[in-house]
Each structure stands twice: as C-alpha cells, then as structure tokens.
N, C-alpha and C. Protein backbone atom coordinates (compact mmCIF):
# COMPACT_ATOMS: atom_id res chain seq x y z
N GLY A 1 0.81 -1.17 0.00
CA GLY A 1 0.00 0.00 0.00
C GLY A 1 0.86 1.25 0.00
N VAL A 2 0.22 2.34 -0.20
CA VAL A 2 0.89 3.63 -0.23
C VAL A 2 0.89 4.22 1.17
N GLN A 3 2.05 4.63 1.63
CA GLN A 3 2.16 5.29 2.92
C GLN A 3 1.97 6.79 2.73
N THR A 4 1.26 7.41 3.64
CA THR A 4 1.12 8.86 3.60
C THR A 4 1.48 9.43 4.95
N CYS A 5 1.86 10.66 4.94
CA CYS A 5 2.26 11.33 6.17
C CYS A 5 1.01 11.78 6.93
N ALA A 6 0.98 11.53 8.20
CA ALA A 6 -0.16 11.92 9.02
C ALA A 6 0.02 13.31 9.64
N LEU A 7 1.16 13.95 9.37
CA LEU A 7 1.40 15.26 9.95
C LEU A 7 0.52 16.31 9.28
N PRO A 8 -0.01 17.24 10.05
CA PRO A 8 -0.84 18.28 9.46
C PRO A 8 0.04 19.28 8.70
N ILE A 9 -0.56 19.96 7.75
CA ILE A 9 0.12 21.05 7.06
C ILE A 9 -0.17 22.31 7.87
N LEU A 10 0.88 22.92 8.40
CA LEU A 10 0.72 24.13 9.19
C LEU A 10 1.24 25.30 8.37
N CYS A 11 0.34 26.02 7.74
CA CYS A 11 0.72 27.11 6.86
C CYS A 11 -0.11 28.34 7.21
N PRO A 12 0.46 29.51 6.99
CA PRO A 12 -0.32 30.73 7.22
C PRO A 12 -1.43 30.86 6.18
N LYS A 13 -2.33 31.79 6.43
CA LYS A 13 -3.45 32.00 5.51
C LYS A 13 -2.93 32.74 4.28
N ASP A 14 -2.45 31.97 3.33
CA ASP A 14 -1.96 32.52 2.08
C ASP A 14 -2.12 31.49 0.98
N SER A 15 -1.78 31.88 -0.22
CA SER A 15 -2.00 30.96 -1.33
C SER A 15 -1.04 29.77 -1.30
N TRP A 16 0.16 29.91 -0.71
CA TRP A 16 1.07 28.76 -0.66
C TRP A 16 0.53 27.68 0.27
N GLY A 17 -0.01 28.07 1.41
CA GLY A 17 -0.62 27.09 2.30
C GLY A 17 -1.81 26.43 1.63
N ALA A 18 -2.59 27.23 0.91
CA ALA A 18 -3.75 26.68 0.20
C ALA A 18 -3.30 25.69 -0.87
N ARG A 19 -2.23 26.03 -1.57
CA ARG A 19 -1.72 25.14 -2.63
C ARG A 19 -1.24 23.82 -2.04
N ALA A 20 -0.64 23.87 -0.86
CA ALA A 20 -0.19 22.63 -0.21
C ALA A 20 -1.39 21.73 0.09
N HIS A 21 -2.47 22.32 0.59
CA HIS A 21 -3.67 21.54 0.88
C HIS A 21 -4.32 21.04 -0.42
N LEU A 22 -4.31 21.87 -1.47
CA LEU A 22 -4.88 21.44 -2.74
C LEU A 22 -4.10 20.27 -3.32
N LEU A 23 -2.78 20.33 -3.23
CA LEU A 23 -1.95 19.23 -3.72
C LEU A 23 -2.27 17.94 -2.97
N ARG A 24 -2.35 18.04 -1.65
CA ARG A 24 -2.65 16.85 -0.85
C ARG A 24 -4.06 16.34 -1.15
N ALA A 25 -5.01 17.27 -1.36
CA ALA A 25 -6.38 16.86 -1.71
C ALA A 25 -6.38 16.07 -3.02
N GLY A 26 -5.59 16.51 -3.99
CA GLY A 26 -5.52 15.80 -5.26
C GLY A 26 -4.93 14.41 -5.10
N ILE A 27 -3.92 14.30 -4.26
CA ILE A 27 -3.32 12.99 -4.00
C ILE A 27 -4.34 12.07 -3.35
N PHE A 28 -5.02 12.56 -2.33
CA PHE A 28 -6.02 11.74 -1.65
C PHE A 28 -7.15 11.34 -2.61
N ARG A 29 -7.58 12.27 -3.47
CA ARG A 29 -8.66 11.96 -4.42
C ARG A 29 -8.22 10.85 -5.37
N THR A 30 -6.99 10.94 -5.87
CA THR A 30 -6.47 9.92 -6.78
C THR A 30 -6.35 8.56 -6.10
N LEU A 31 -6.05 8.57 -4.79
CA LEU A 31 -5.93 7.33 -4.03
C LEU A 31 -7.28 6.77 -3.58
N GLY A 32 -8.36 7.51 -3.84
CA GLY A 32 -9.69 7.05 -3.43
C GLY A 32 -10.02 7.38 -1.99
N ARG A 33 -9.25 8.26 -1.38
CA ARG A 33 -9.48 8.66 0.02
C ARG A 33 -10.24 9.98 0.01
N PHE A 34 -11.53 9.89 -0.31
CA PHE A 34 -12.33 11.06 -0.62
C PHE A 34 -12.61 11.96 0.57
N ASP A 35 -12.84 11.40 1.75
CA ASP A 35 -13.10 12.24 2.91
C ASP A 35 -11.89 13.13 3.21
N GLU A 36 -10.69 12.55 3.10
CA GLU A 36 -9.48 13.33 3.34
C GLU A 36 -9.27 14.36 2.23
N SER A 37 -9.62 13.98 1.02
CA SER A 37 -9.52 14.91 -0.10
C SER A 37 -10.44 16.11 0.10
N ILE A 38 -11.65 15.83 0.53
CA ILE A 38 -12.61 16.91 0.79
C ILE A 38 -12.13 17.81 1.92
N GLU A 39 -11.63 17.21 2.99
CA GLU A 39 -11.15 18.01 4.11
C GLU A 39 -10.05 18.97 3.67
N ASP A 40 -9.06 18.46 2.93
CA ASP A 40 -7.98 19.34 2.47
C ASP A 40 -8.48 20.34 1.43
N GLY A 41 -9.40 19.92 0.57
CA GLY A 41 -9.97 20.84 -0.41
C GLY A 41 -10.73 21.98 0.24
N GLU A 42 -11.48 21.68 1.29
CA GLU A 42 -12.21 22.73 2.01
C GLU A 42 -11.24 23.71 2.67
N ILE A 43 -10.16 23.19 3.23
CA ILE A 43 -9.16 24.08 3.84
C ILE A 43 -8.53 24.97 2.78
N ALA A 44 -8.18 24.38 1.62
CA ALA A 44 -7.59 25.16 0.53
C ALA A 44 -8.52 26.30 0.11
N CYS A 45 -9.80 25.99 -0.03
CA CYS A 45 -10.78 27.01 -0.44
C CYS A 45 -10.94 28.08 0.64
N HIS A 46 -10.86 27.69 1.89
CA HIS A 46 -10.95 28.66 2.98
C HIS A 46 -9.73 29.60 2.98
N LEU A 47 -8.56 29.03 2.73
CA LEU A 47 -7.33 29.84 2.74
C LEU A 47 -7.20 30.75 1.53
N ALA A 48 -7.75 30.33 0.41
CA ALA A 48 -7.67 31.12 -0.82
C ALA A 48 -9.03 31.12 -1.51
N PRO A 49 -10.00 31.83 -0.95
CA PRO A 49 -11.38 31.74 -1.43
C PRO A 49 -11.62 32.26 -2.84
N ARG A 50 -10.69 33.03 -3.40
CA ARG A 50 -10.90 33.58 -4.75
C ARG A 50 -10.26 32.74 -5.85
N MET A 51 -9.70 31.59 -5.50
CA MET A 51 -9.04 30.72 -6.49
C MET A 51 -10.08 29.75 -7.07
N PHE A 52 -10.57 30.05 -8.25
CA PHE A 52 -11.65 29.26 -8.84
C PHE A 52 -11.28 27.79 -9.00
N ALA A 53 -10.03 27.52 -9.36
CA ALA A 53 -9.63 26.13 -9.58
C ALA A 53 -9.71 25.32 -8.30
N PHE A 54 -9.47 25.94 -7.15
CA PHE A 54 -9.55 25.23 -5.88
C PHE A 54 -10.97 24.73 -5.64
N HIS A 55 -11.95 25.58 -5.93
CA HIS A 55 -13.36 25.21 -5.76
C HIS A 55 -13.76 24.13 -6.77
N ALA A 56 -13.20 24.20 -7.99
CA ALA A 56 -13.49 23.19 -8.99
C ALA A 56 -12.92 21.83 -8.58
N HIS A 57 -11.73 21.83 -8.02
CA HIS A 57 -11.13 20.57 -7.55
C HIS A 57 -11.94 20.02 -6.37
N LEU A 58 -12.39 20.90 -5.49
CA LEU A 58 -13.24 20.45 -4.38
C LEU A 58 -14.52 19.83 -4.92
N ALA A 59 -15.08 20.41 -5.96
CA ALA A 59 -16.29 19.86 -6.59
C ALA A 59 -16.03 18.43 -7.08
N ALA A 60 -14.86 18.21 -7.67
CA ALA A 60 -14.52 16.86 -8.14
C ALA A 60 -14.42 15.88 -6.98
N SER A 61 -13.84 16.33 -5.87
CA SER A 61 -13.73 15.45 -4.70
C SER A 61 -15.11 15.11 -4.15
N TYR A 62 -15.98 16.10 -4.05
CA TYR A 62 -17.36 15.82 -3.62
C TYR A 62 -18.03 14.84 -4.57
N GLY A 63 -17.82 15.03 -5.87
CA GLY A 63 -18.41 14.13 -6.85
C GLY A 63 -17.93 12.70 -6.68
N MET A 64 -16.64 12.52 -6.44
CA MET A 64 -16.10 11.18 -6.24
C MET A 64 -16.68 10.53 -4.98
N ALA A 65 -17.00 11.33 -3.98
CA ALA A 65 -17.59 10.83 -2.74
C ALA A 65 -19.11 10.72 -2.82
N HIS A 66 -19.68 11.02 -3.99
CA HIS A 66 -21.13 10.99 -4.22
C HIS A 66 -21.87 11.96 -3.30
N ARG A 67 -21.21 13.05 -2.96
CA ARG A 67 -21.86 14.15 -2.23
C ARG A 67 -22.22 15.18 -3.29
N LEU A 68 -23.25 14.85 -4.05
CA LEU A 68 -23.53 15.52 -5.31
C LEU A 68 -23.97 16.96 -5.15
N GLU A 69 -24.83 17.24 -4.21
CA GLU A 69 -25.30 18.62 -4.04
C GLU A 69 -24.14 19.54 -3.62
N GLU A 70 -23.31 19.06 -2.71
CA GLU A 70 -22.16 19.87 -2.30
C GLU A 70 -21.20 20.07 -3.48
N GLY A 71 -21.06 19.04 -4.31
CA GLY A 71 -20.23 19.16 -5.50
C GLY A 71 -20.76 20.21 -6.47
N ARG A 72 -22.05 20.20 -6.67
CA ARG A 72 -22.66 21.19 -7.57
C ARG A 72 -22.51 22.60 -7.01
N GLN A 73 -22.62 22.74 -5.71
CA GLN A 73 -22.44 24.06 -5.09
C GLN A 73 -21.01 24.55 -5.24
N ALA A 74 -20.05 23.66 -5.05
CA ALA A 74 -18.64 24.04 -5.20
C ALA A 74 -18.36 24.43 -6.66
N TRP A 75 -18.91 23.69 -7.63
CA TRP A 75 -18.72 24.02 -9.04
C TRP A 75 -19.38 25.36 -9.36
N ALA A 76 -20.56 25.62 -8.82
CA ALA A 76 -21.24 26.90 -9.04
C ALA A 76 -20.40 28.05 -8.47
N HIS A 77 -19.77 27.82 -7.33
CA HIS A 77 -18.91 28.85 -6.75
C HIS A 77 -17.70 29.11 -7.66
N ALA A 78 -17.11 28.04 -8.18
CA ALA A 78 -15.98 28.19 -9.10
C ALA A 78 -16.41 28.96 -10.35
N LEU A 79 -17.58 28.65 -10.89
CA LEU A 79 -18.10 29.35 -12.07
C LEU A 79 -18.36 30.82 -11.79
N ALA A 80 -18.81 31.13 -10.59
CA ALA A 80 -19.03 32.53 -10.23
C ALA A 80 -17.71 33.30 -10.24
N LEU A 81 -16.62 32.62 -9.87
CA LEU A 81 -15.30 33.26 -9.87
C LEU A 81 -14.68 33.31 -11.26
N GLU A 82 -14.99 32.32 -12.10
CA GLU A 82 -14.44 32.24 -13.47
C GLU A 82 -15.53 31.73 -14.42
N PRO A 83 -16.29 32.66 -15.01
CA PRO A 83 -17.42 32.27 -15.86
C PRO A 83 -17.02 31.42 -17.08
N ALA A 84 -15.77 31.47 -17.51
CA ALA A 84 -15.32 30.68 -18.66
C ALA A 84 -14.90 29.26 -18.27
N LEU A 85 -15.06 28.90 -17.01
CA LEU A 85 -14.62 27.59 -16.51
C LEU A 85 -15.32 26.45 -17.24
N SER A 86 -14.53 25.45 -17.60
CA SER A 86 -15.05 24.22 -18.20
C SER A 86 -14.14 23.09 -17.74
N LEU A 87 -14.59 21.88 -17.97
CA LEU A 87 -13.77 20.72 -17.64
C LEU A 87 -12.46 20.76 -18.43
N ASP A 88 -12.54 21.10 -19.72
CA ASP A 88 -11.33 21.17 -20.53
C ASP A 88 -10.35 22.22 -20.01
N LEU A 89 -10.86 23.38 -19.60
CA LEU A 89 -9.99 24.42 -19.05
C LEU A 89 -9.32 23.93 -17.78
N LEU A 90 -10.06 23.28 -16.93
CA LEU A 90 -9.51 22.78 -15.67
C LEU A 90 -8.42 21.73 -15.93
N LEU A 91 -8.67 20.80 -16.85
CA LEU A 91 -7.71 19.75 -17.13
C LEU A 91 -6.47 20.27 -17.85
N ALA A 92 -6.57 21.41 -18.51
CA ALA A 92 -5.43 21.98 -19.22
C ALA A 92 -4.49 22.75 -18.29
N ARG A 93 -4.90 22.97 -17.06
CA ARG A 93 -4.07 23.75 -16.13
C ARG A 93 -2.85 22.95 -15.69
N ARG A 94 -1.80 23.68 -15.39
CA ARG A 94 -0.56 23.08 -14.90
C ARG A 94 -0.85 22.27 -13.64
N GLY A 95 -0.20 21.13 -13.50
CA GLY A 95 -0.35 20.31 -12.32
C GLY A 95 -1.42 19.23 -12.42
N VAL A 96 -2.13 19.18 -13.54
CA VAL A 96 -3.19 18.20 -13.71
C VAL A 96 -2.84 17.24 -14.85
N ALA A 97 -1.60 17.19 -15.24
CA ALA A 97 -1.21 16.45 -16.44
C ALA A 97 -1.22 14.93 -16.26
N HIS A 98 -1.05 14.44 -15.06
CA HIS A 98 -0.97 13.00 -14.86
C HIS A 98 -2.31 12.35 -15.20
N PRO A 99 -2.30 11.29 -16.01
CA PRO A 99 -3.56 10.66 -16.45
C PRO A 99 -4.46 10.20 -15.31
N ARG A 100 -3.90 9.65 -14.24
CA ARG A 100 -4.75 9.20 -13.11
C ARG A 100 -5.40 10.39 -12.43
N ARG A 101 -4.67 11.50 -12.33
CA ARG A 101 -5.24 12.69 -11.70
C ARG A 101 -6.35 13.26 -12.58
N GLN A 102 -6.11 13.30 -13.89
CA GLN A 102 -7.14 13.78 -14.81
C GLN A 102 -8.39 12.91 -14.74
N GLN A 103 -8.18 11.61 -14.69
CA GLN A 103 -9.31 10.69 -14.64
C GLN A 103 -10.13 10.90 -13.37
N ALA A 104 -9.48 11.08 -12.22
CA ALA A 104 -10.21 11.29 -10.96
C ALA A 104 -11.01 12.58 -11.02
N ILE A 105 -10.43 13.63 -11.61
CA ILE A 105 -11.16 14.90 -11.73
C ILE A 105 -12.35 14.73 -12.67
N GLU A 106 -12.11 14.11 -13.81
CA GLU A 106 -13.17 13.95 -14.80
C GLU A 106 -14.33 13.11 -14.26
N VAL A 107 -14.03 12.01 -13.58
CA VAL A 107 -15.08 11.16 -13.03
C VAL A 107 -15.85 11.91 -11.94
N GLY A 108 -15.14 12.58 -11.06
CA GLY A 108 -15.81 13.33 -10.00
C GLY A 108 -16.76 14.39 -10.55
N LEU A 109 -16.28 15.13 -11.55
CA LEU A 109 -17.14 16.18 -12.12
C LEU A 109 -18.29 15.59 -12.94
N ARG A 110 -18.04 14.48 -13.62
CA ARG A 110 -19.14 13.82 -14.36
C ARG A 110 -20.23 13.38 -13.37
N ASN A 111 -19.83 12.94 -12.19
CA ASN A 111 -20.81 12.51 -11.18
C ASN A 111 -21.74 13.65 -10.78
N ILE A 112 -21.27 14.90 -10.86
CA ILE A 112 -22.14 16.02 -10.50
C ILE A 112 -22.76 16.66 -11.75
N GLY A 113 -22.55 16.04 -12.92
CA GLY A 113 -23.21 16.51 -14.14
C GLY A 113 -22.36 17.38 -15.04
N ILE A 114 -21.06 17.48 -14.79
CA ILE A 114 -20.19 18.30 -15.63
C ILE A 114 -19.47 17.37 -16.61
N THR A 115 -19.65 17.63 -17.90
CA THR A 115 -19.02 16.81 -18.92
C THR A 115 -18.31 17.73 -19.92
N ARG A 116 -17.58 17.11 -20.83
CA ARG A 116 -16.85 17.89 -21.86
C ARG A 116 -17.80 18.46 -22.87
C-alpha cells in the first residue's frame, strides 16, 4: 500500500498554504481517500477563497464521494469566480497532467453533471 504522512500542514493564511492543501487533496482523491480529499480541499478554499480552480477541484472530490449537491455548489462557486470555466480548461491547467489525476477529476465532475 501507499504510505502517507499523518502530519498536518501548518501554513499561514496565504496561497502557498492553500496550494499545499490542494496538492494533498488531489493525491487523496487519486488514491480514493475522498473524505481526506474533501477536508484538504475545504481548507484550501478557505485559505484562498478567490481561487476558482480550488473550488473546482473540491467539486470533483465531492463528486467522487457521491456528495452531489455539495459538489454542484462548489462548481457553481468556481463558475461565479471564473465564468469561462469548463472541464477542458480545468484539465489543461498546470499540475493536472498525470492521467490518473485527470481521470479522478473527470469522473468526480461527471458525477455532478459536468461533462466535456
């Protein structure tokens, strides 16, 4: 199995701390550990509330956990921040290139009704 660190990320309220939580959320989502992915995604969104991609990634995590209404709300929040947001735009962003990561995002968003 894959070992993960149980230490918390202790970062100030800034975009770097939020990015650390977003990265960990993506790892947990890819590993199928959706509750942990959601927890880190929510922290990332709290630390950097104007980052549309953070809310979109949180939506994917909710979708993977079949928390569909929360996923739709997170996607709606991301769209309010970036009206041009689409699945293709999200997958084209830096840091989402790995096929397993793309697949987890795509499946999660498809679960809440977002398709290409």
